[in-house]
């Protein structure tokens, strides 16, 4: 509602008599176009008028939309929100109708998994509608879960090097870029083993990025990589963050894959670190919340060495190892 003074209200009729102005205001009151602001008090004249008024917005007729919501839309769309907010339905109707048509005429397409942007374009002819525009809000108002549209989210492609597609095989995930390239060169030079472990594929994890990119492993990896007999190994920095990345990865995907530490590489790091006078200091910003899952794969003596380094706020980077060590 908009507040207006009596003077402004009758400004267009200032040349009329006060009685005529009074009758004009009374007519607006009867038509419920205005109502008095009683706290403004009257103007002291006879007959009296209040000094200020609320201008009332005209109630819009949404009956056509109400009928449409009740009897026309797909039963897969919940209309409760829009029945309570027909003004919002009027604004969003274009997008709701497109969704309705898709659910009625093309529902078989939902059986085939598609990326978020692909499904968005399929329904609304806008590839970013679900991800960056109004799509999520429209679905929420329609009582539809994004997952029910059978979509998957795409990430940066998982960088990997295939040395052999023979199965079963060992796939090795590496936290950092340098070890990935060095081990790849090692395999390219004619070797098939890394620390006496036959290795068929190297995967570059890009630090914490592996958590997100690995979500698409079942969808995007080559068939040989998903062979049930394969073993997935992980090798990262020996610090809180590197251990944390492994534990998060192993926990998140434990129902699909068992991911285990690349034990010989970690032991090689420890052996080589014995000749290093001062190991680099751990960054204070590192998340030190790790469990015992990582350490459970190692013998007690190795665990003691690892924990001692961590407790001294030191760490061993993967780069301590190079091609001559593999």
Protein backbone atom coordinates (compact mmCIF):
# COMPACT_ATOMS: atom_id res chain seq x y z
CA UNK A 1 0.00 0.00 0.00
CA UNK A 2 1.07 3.54 -0.76
CA UNK A 3 0.52 6.39 1.70
CA UNK A 4 -0.77 9.69 0.31
CA UNK A 5 -1.73 13.04 1.81
CA UNK A 6 -5.24 14.51 1.45
CA UNK A 7 -3.76 17.47 -0.46
CA UNK A 8 -2.17 15.17 -3.03
CA UNK A 9 -5.31 13.06 -3.26
CA UNK A 10 -7.54 16.02 -4.20
CA UNK A 11 -4.89 17.97 -6.10
CA UNK A 12 -6.58 17.33 -9.46
CA UNK A 13 -9.81 18.71 -7.98
CA UNK A 14 -8.45 21.73 -6.21
CA UNK A 15 -10.72 24.06 -8.21
CA UNK A 16 -13.86 22.31 -6.92
CA UNK A 17 -15.74 23.27 -3.79
CA UNK A 18 -14.83 21.54 -0.54
CA UNK A 19 -18.17 19.67 -0.60
CA UNK A 20 -17.36 18.28 -4.04
CA UNK A 21 -13.89 17.31 -2.86
CA UNK A 22 -15.43 15.59 0.15
CA UNK A 23 -17.85 13.65 -2.06
CA UNK A 24 -14.95 12.58 -4.31
CA UNK A 25 -13.00 11.21 -1.34
CA UNK A 26 -16.12 9.44 -0.02
CA UNK A 27 -16.60 7.76 -3.41
CA UNK A 28 -13.01 6.47 -3.34
CA UNK A 29 -13.64 5.12 0.15
CA UNK A 30 -16.85 3.36 -0.94
CA UNK A 31 -15.05 1.79 -3.92
CA UNK A 32 -12.36 0.60 -1.50
CA UNK A 33 -9.67 2.32 -3.50
CA UNK A 34 -8.42 4.11 -0.41
CA UNK A 35 -8.72 3.83 3.35
CA UNK A 36 -7.93 6.50 5.98
CA UNK A 37 -4.78 6.61 8.05
CA UNK A 38 -6.61 7.26 11.30
CA UNK A 39 -3.46 8.19 13.13
CA UNK A 40 -3.15 11.22 10.81
CA UNK A 41 -6.24 12.84 12.41
CA UNK A 42 -8.88 14.86 10.61
CA UNK A 43 -8.47 18.20 8.87
CA UNK A 44 -10.75 20.11 11.25
CA UNK A 45 -13.35 20.94 8.59
CA UNK A 46 -17.00 19.96 8.32
CA UNK A 47 -17.62 17.38 7.07
CA UNK A 48 -14.20 16.17 8.22
CA UNK A 49 -11.66 14.24 6.15
CA UNK A 50 -8.54 12.51 7.35
CA UNK A 51 -5.23 14.14 6.52
CA UNK A 52 -3.70 10.96 5.01
CA UNK A 53 -4.90 7.81 3.21
CA UNK A 54 -3.67 4.42 2.08
CA UNK A 55 -4.08 3.73 -1.62
CA UNK A 56 -5.33 0.15 -1.90
CA UNK A 57 -4.09 -2.04 -4.74
CA UNK A 58 -6.81 -3.53 -6.86
CA UNK A 59 -7.26 -7.24 -6.20
CA UNK A 60 -6.35 -9.16 -9.31
CA UNK A 61 -8.54 -11.98 -10.60
CA UNK A 62 -6.47 -15.17 -10.72
CA UNK A 63 -9.40 -17.55 -11.28
CA UNK A 64 -8.14 -18.66 -14.71
CA UNK A 65 -4.76 -19.61 -13.23
CA UNK A 66 -6.42 -21.36 -10.28
CA UNK A 67 -8.43 -23.49 -12.69
CA UNK A 68 -5.32 -24.29 -14.69
CA UNK A 69 -3.42 -25.33 -11.59
CA UNK A 70 -6.23 -27.55 -10.33
CA UNK A 71 -7.24 -29.32 -13.51
CA UNK A 72 -4.61 -28.98 -16.24
CA UNK A 73 -1.08 -29.55 -14.95
CA UNK A 74 0.64 -32.93 -14.71
CA UNK A 75 -0.04 -34.85 -11.50
CA UNK A 76 3.76 -35.00 -11.03
CA UNK A 77 3.70 -31.27 -10.29
CA UNK A 78 2.58 -30.23 -6.81
CA UNK A 79 0.34 -27.16 -7.14
CA UNK A 80 0.01 -26.33 -3.43
CA UNK A 81 2.59 -23.54 -3.46
CA UNK A 82 1.15 -21.84 -6.54
CA UNK A 83 -2.45 -22.11 -5.29
CA UNK A 84 -1.32 -20.18 -2.22
CA UNK A 85 0.68 -17.72 -4.36
CA UNK A 86 -1.11 -17.26 -7.70
CA UNK A 87 0.77 -14.00 -8.29
CA UNK A 88 4.05 -15.93 -8.35
CA UNK A 89 2.53 -18.55 -10.64
CA UNK A 90 1.65 -15.77 -13.07
CA UNK A 91 5.31 -14.71 -13.16
CA UNK A 92 6.70 -18.24 -13.43
CA UNK A 93 3.96 -19.77 -15.56
CA UNK A 94 6.02 -19.83 -18.79
CA UNK A 95 8.62 -22.10 -17.17
CA UNK A 96 6.07 -24.26 -15.36
CA UNK A 97 4.15 -24.88 -18.59
CA UNK A 98 7.35 -26.03 -20.34
CA UNK A 99 8.07 -28.42 -17.47
CA UNK A 100 4.46 -29.63 -17.57
CA UNK A 101 4.66 -30.34 -21.31
CA UNK A 102 7.92 -32.23 -20.84
CA UNK A 103 6.50 -34.40 -18.05
CA UNK A 104 3.39 -35.18 -20.09
CA UNK A 105 4.91 -35.72 -23.52
CA UNK A 106 8.56 -36.63 -23.02
CA UNK A 107 8.69 -38.40 -19.65
CA UNK A 108 10.38 -41.44 -21.27
CA UNK A 109 13.47 -39.31 -21.79
CA UNK A 110 13.97 -39.16 -18.03
CA UNK A 111 14.82 -42.87 -18.05
CA UNK A 112 18.11 -42.01 -19.77
CA UNK A 113 20.65 -40.22 -17.47
CA UNK A 114 21.73 -36.83 -18.79
CA UNK A 115 23.94 -34.02 -17.55
CA UNK A 116 22.34 -31.15 -15.67
CA UNK A 117 22.80 -28.75 -18.58
CA UNK A 118 21.57 -31.25 -21.16
CA UNK A 119 18.37 -31.92 -19.22
CA UNK A 120 17.92 -28.20 -18.62
CA UNK A 121 18.01 -27.47 -22.35
CA UNK A 122 15.76 -30.46 -23.07
CA UNK A 123 13.04 -29.04 -20.80
CA UNK A 124 13.41 -25.25 -21.01
CA UNK A 125 15.62 -24.71 -24.10
CA UNK A 126 18.15 -23.02 -21.79
CA UNK A 127 21.23 -25.03 -20.84
CA UNK A 128 22.05 -22.98 -17.72
CA UNK A 129 18.45 -22.69 -16.46
CA UNK A 130 18.84 -25.41 -13.81
CA UNK A 131 22.34 -24.53 -12.72
CA UNK A 132 22.47 -20.72 -12.72
CA UNK A 133 19.00 -19.35 -13.45
CA UNK A 134 15.50 -19.96 -12.06
CA UNK A 135 15.37 -23.72 -12.56
CA UNK A 136 15.98 -24.83 -8.98
CA UNK A 137 13.42 -22.35 -7.68
CA UNK A 138 10.81 -23.49 -10.22
CA UNK A 139 11.37 -27.14 -9.29
CA UNK A 140 11.08 -26.31 -5.58
CA UNK A 141 7.79 -24.48 -6.17
CA UNK A 142 6.58 -27.50 -8.17
CA UNK A 143 7.61 -29.93 -5.42
CA UNK A 144 10.06 -31.73 -7.72
CA UNK A 145 13.52 -32.88 -6.66
CA UNK A 146 16.37 -32.25 -9.12
CA UNK A 147 17.54 -35.86 -8.74
CA UNK A 148 14.14 -37.11 -9.94
CA UNK A 149 15.03 -35.70 -13.38
CA UNK A 150 17.80 -38.35 -13.55
CA UNK A 151 20.65 -35.89 -14.02
CA UNK A 152 24.33 -36.06 -13.19
CA UNK A 153 26.73 -33.19 -12.57
CA UNK A 154 29.81 -32.96 -14.73
CA UNK A 155 33.24 -32.12 -13.39
CA UNK A 156 36.62 -31.51 -14.91
CA UNK A 157 37.63 -34.68 -16.79
CA UNK A 158 39.78 -37.04 -14.75
CA UNK A 159 43.34 -36.82 -16.18
CA UNK A 160 44.90 -40.25 -16.45
CA UNK A 161 47.58 -42.18 -18.30
CA UNK A 162 46.83 -45.70 -19.51
CA UNK A 163 49.90 -47.90 -19.72
CA UNK A 164 47.85 -51.04 -20.31
CA UNK A 165 44.17 -51.95 -20.53
CA UNK A 166 44.76 -55.47 -19.29
CA UNK A 167 42.53 -56.44 -16.38
CA UNK A 168 42.59 -56.89 -13.52
CA UNK A 169 45.16 -54.21 -12.85
CA UNK A 170 46.36 -51.63 -10.31
CA UNK A 171 45.20 -48.04 -10.79
CA UNK A 172 47.27 -45.48 -8.90
CA UNK A 173 45.82 -42.07 -7.91
CA UNK A 174 48.47 -39.39 -7.33
CA UNK A 175 47.80 -36.23 -5.36
CA UNK A 176 50.27 -33.98 -7.18
CA UNK A 177 51.25 -33.27 -10.77
CA UNK A 178 55.01 -33.86 -10.57
CA UNK A 179 54.79 -37.49 -9.35
CA UNK A 180 52.14 -38.14 -12.03
CA UNK A 181 54.47 -36.99 -14.82
CA UNK A 182 57.53 -38.68 -13.32
CA UNK A 183 55.79 -42.02 -12.89
CA UNK A 184 54.28 -41.74 -16.37
CA UNK A 185 57.78 -41.20 -17.81
CA UNK A 186 58.96 -44.18 -15.80
CA UNK A 187 56.29 -46.40 -17.38
CA UNK A 188 56.87 -44.91 -20.85
CA UNK A 189 60.53 -45.80 -20.62
CA UNK A 190 59.61 -49.49 -20.69
CA UNK A 191 58.93 -50.29 -17.04
CA UNK A 192 55.71 -51.94 -15.89
CA UNK A 193 56.25 -51.72 -12.12
CA UNK A 194 56.50 -48.87 -9.62
CA UNK A 195 58.13 -49.92 -6.35
CA UNK A 196 57.76 -53.52 -7.52
CA UNK A 197 53.99 -53.13 -7.94
CA UNK A 198 52.62 -53.77 -11.43
CA UNK A 199 50.87 -50.55 -12.40
CA UNK A 200 48.49 -50.24 -15.36
CA UNK A 201 47.03 -46.74 -15.00
CA UNK A 202 48.04 -43.46 -13.35
CA UNK A 203 45.35 -40.95 -12.32
CA UNK A 204 46.15 -37.32 -11.50
CA UNK A 205 44.08 -36.34 -8.46
CA UNK A 206 44.86 -32.59 -8.33
CA UNK A 207 44.78 -32.44 -4.54
CA UNK A 208 41.28 -32.15 -3.12
CA UNK A 209 39.93 -32.02 -6.68
CA UNK A 210 39.92 -35.81 -6.77
CA UNK A 211 36.92 -35.87 -4.41
CA UNK A 212 34.73 -34.11 -6.94
CA UNK A 213 36.15 -35.51 -10.16
CA UNK A 214 35.93 -39.09 -8.85
CA UNK A 215 32.14 -38.69 -8.53
CA UNK A 216 31.92 -39.27 -12.28
CA UNK A 217 34.25 -42.28 -12.26
CA UNK A 218 31.48 -44.82 -12.88
CA UNK A 219 30.07 -42.70 -15.71
CA UNK A 220 33.20 -41.45 -17.44
CA UNK A 221 35.98 -43.95 -16.84
CA UNK A 222 36.88 -46.43 -19.56
CA UNK A 223 35.34 -49.89 -19.13
CA UNK A 224 38.66 -51.52 -18.24
CA UNK A 225 39.13 -49.05 -15.36
CA UNK A 226 35.86 -50.22 -13.76
CA UNK A 227 36.71 -53.90 -13.82
CA UNK A 228 35.66 -55.37 -10.43
CA UNK A 229 38.99 -57.13 -10.06
CA UNK A 230 41.02 -53.92 -10.21
CA UNK A 231 42.79 -52.44 -7.20
CA UNK A 232 42.72 -48.66 -6.68
CA UNK A 233 45.74 -47.27 -4.85
CA UNK A 234 46.33 -43.75 -3.51
CA UNK A 235 49.59 -41.88 -2.97
CA UNK A 236 49.86 -38.32 -1.67
CA UNK A 237 51.93 -36.03 0.55
CA UNK A 238 52.65 -37.37 4.00
CA UNK A 239 50.93 -34.55 5.87
CA UNK A 240 47.55 -33.94 7.49
CA UNK A 241 46.02 -32.66 4.27
CA UNK A 242 47.30 -35.50 2.11
CA UNK A 243 46.10 -38.11 4.60
CA UNK A 244 42.78 -36.26 4.90
CA UNK A 245 42.26 -36.32 1.14
CA UNK A 246 42.81 -40.08 1.10
CA UNK A 247 40.44 -40.70 4.04
CA UNK A 248 37.69 -38.51 2.54
CA UNK A 249 38.06 -40.22 -0.83
CA UNK A 250 38.02 -43.72 0.65
CA UNK A 251 35.02 -42.95 2.87
CA UNK A 252 32.95 -41.20 0.21
CA UNK A 253 33.26 -44.00 -2.33
CA UNK A 254 33.55 -47.02 -0.03
CA UNK A 255 30.26 -48.48 -1.29
CA UNK A 256 31.57 -48.62 -4.87
CA UNK A 257 35.34 -48.95 -4.55
CA UNK A 258 37.91 -49.93 -2.00
CA UNK A 259 40.77 -47.43 -2.19
CA UNK A 260 43.94 -48.25 -0.27
CA UNK A 261 47.21 -46.36 0.35
CA UNK A 262 50.14 -47.16 -1.95
CA UNK A 263 52.17 -48.56 0.93
CA UNK A 264 55.61 -49.06 -0.74
CA UNK A 265 55.69 -45.45 -1.90
CA UNK A 266 55.00 -44.09 1.60
CA UNK A 267 57.67 -46.35 3.06
CA UNK A 268 60.13 -45.15 0.40
CA UNK A 269 59.35 -41.55 1.40
CA UNK A 270 60.15 -42.33 5.03
CA UNK A 271 63.42 -44.06 4.16
CA UNK A 272 64.57 -41.18 1.99
CA UNK A 273 63.49 -38.61 4.60
CA UNK A 274 65.97 -40.11 7.07
CA UNK A 275 68.77 -38.44 5.12
CA UNK A 276 67.02 -35.02 5.08
CA UNK A 277 68.34 -32.75 7.85
CA UNK A 278 65.24 -30.57 8.17
CA UNK A 279 61.89 -31.53 6.68
CA UNK A 280 59.58 -28.69 5.57
CA UNK A 281 57.22 -27.24 8.17
CA UNK A 282 53.50 -27.99 8.00
CA UNK A 283 51.29 -25.05 7.09
CA UNK A 284 49.23 -23.79 10.02
CA UNK A 285 46.12 -23.58 7.86
CA UNK A 286 45.99 -27.34 7.28
CA UNK A 287 42.97 -29.23 8.57
CA UNK A 288 44.41 -31.67 11.10
CA UNK A 289 41.24 -33.67 11.54
CA UNK A 290 42.26 -37.16 10.43
CA UNK A 291 41.23 -40.58 11.70
CA UNK A 292 43.12 -43.85 12.07
CA UNK A 293 41.86 -45.26 8.75
CA UNK A 294 45.00 -44.37 6.82
CA UNK A 295 47.39 -45.69 9.48
CA UNK A 296 45.51 -49.00 9.73
CA UNK A 297 47.23 -50.19 6.53
CA UNK A 298 50.77 -49.84 7.93
CA UNK A 299 52.81 -51.77 10.49
CA UNK A 300 53.27 -50.26 13.94
CA UNK A 301 56.87 -49.15 13.38
CA UNK A 302 55.95 -47.27 10.19
CA UNK A 303 52.96 -45.63 11.89
CA UNK A 304 55.19 -44.40 14.73
CA UNK A 305 57.58 -42.79 12.23
CA UNK A 306 54.72 -41.12 10.39
CA UNK A 307 53.07 -39.78 13.52
CA UNK A 308 56.35 -38.48 14.89
CA UNK A 309 56.86 -36.37 11.76
CA UNK A 310 53.30 -35.02 11.95
CA UNK A 311 53.55 -34.27 15.68
CA UNK A 312 56.72 -32.26 15.03
CA UNK A 313 54.71 -30.13 12.56
CA UNK A 314 56.77 -31.45 9.65
CA UNK A 315 55.74 -33.24 6.47
CA UNK A 316 57.18 -35.17 3.54
CA UNK A 317 56.12 -34.03 0.06
CA UNK A 318 55.63 -36.58 -2.71
CA UNK A 319 58.35 -34.78 -4.63
CA UNK A 320 60.97 -36.26 -2.29
CA UNK A 321 60.77 -39.24 -4.68
CA UNK A 322 61.76 -39.10 -8.33
CA UNK A 323 62.32 -41.38 -11.30
CA UNK A 324 65.52 -42.86 -9.85
CA UNK A 325 63.56 -44.13 -6.82
CA UNK A 326 60.72 -45.87 -8.63
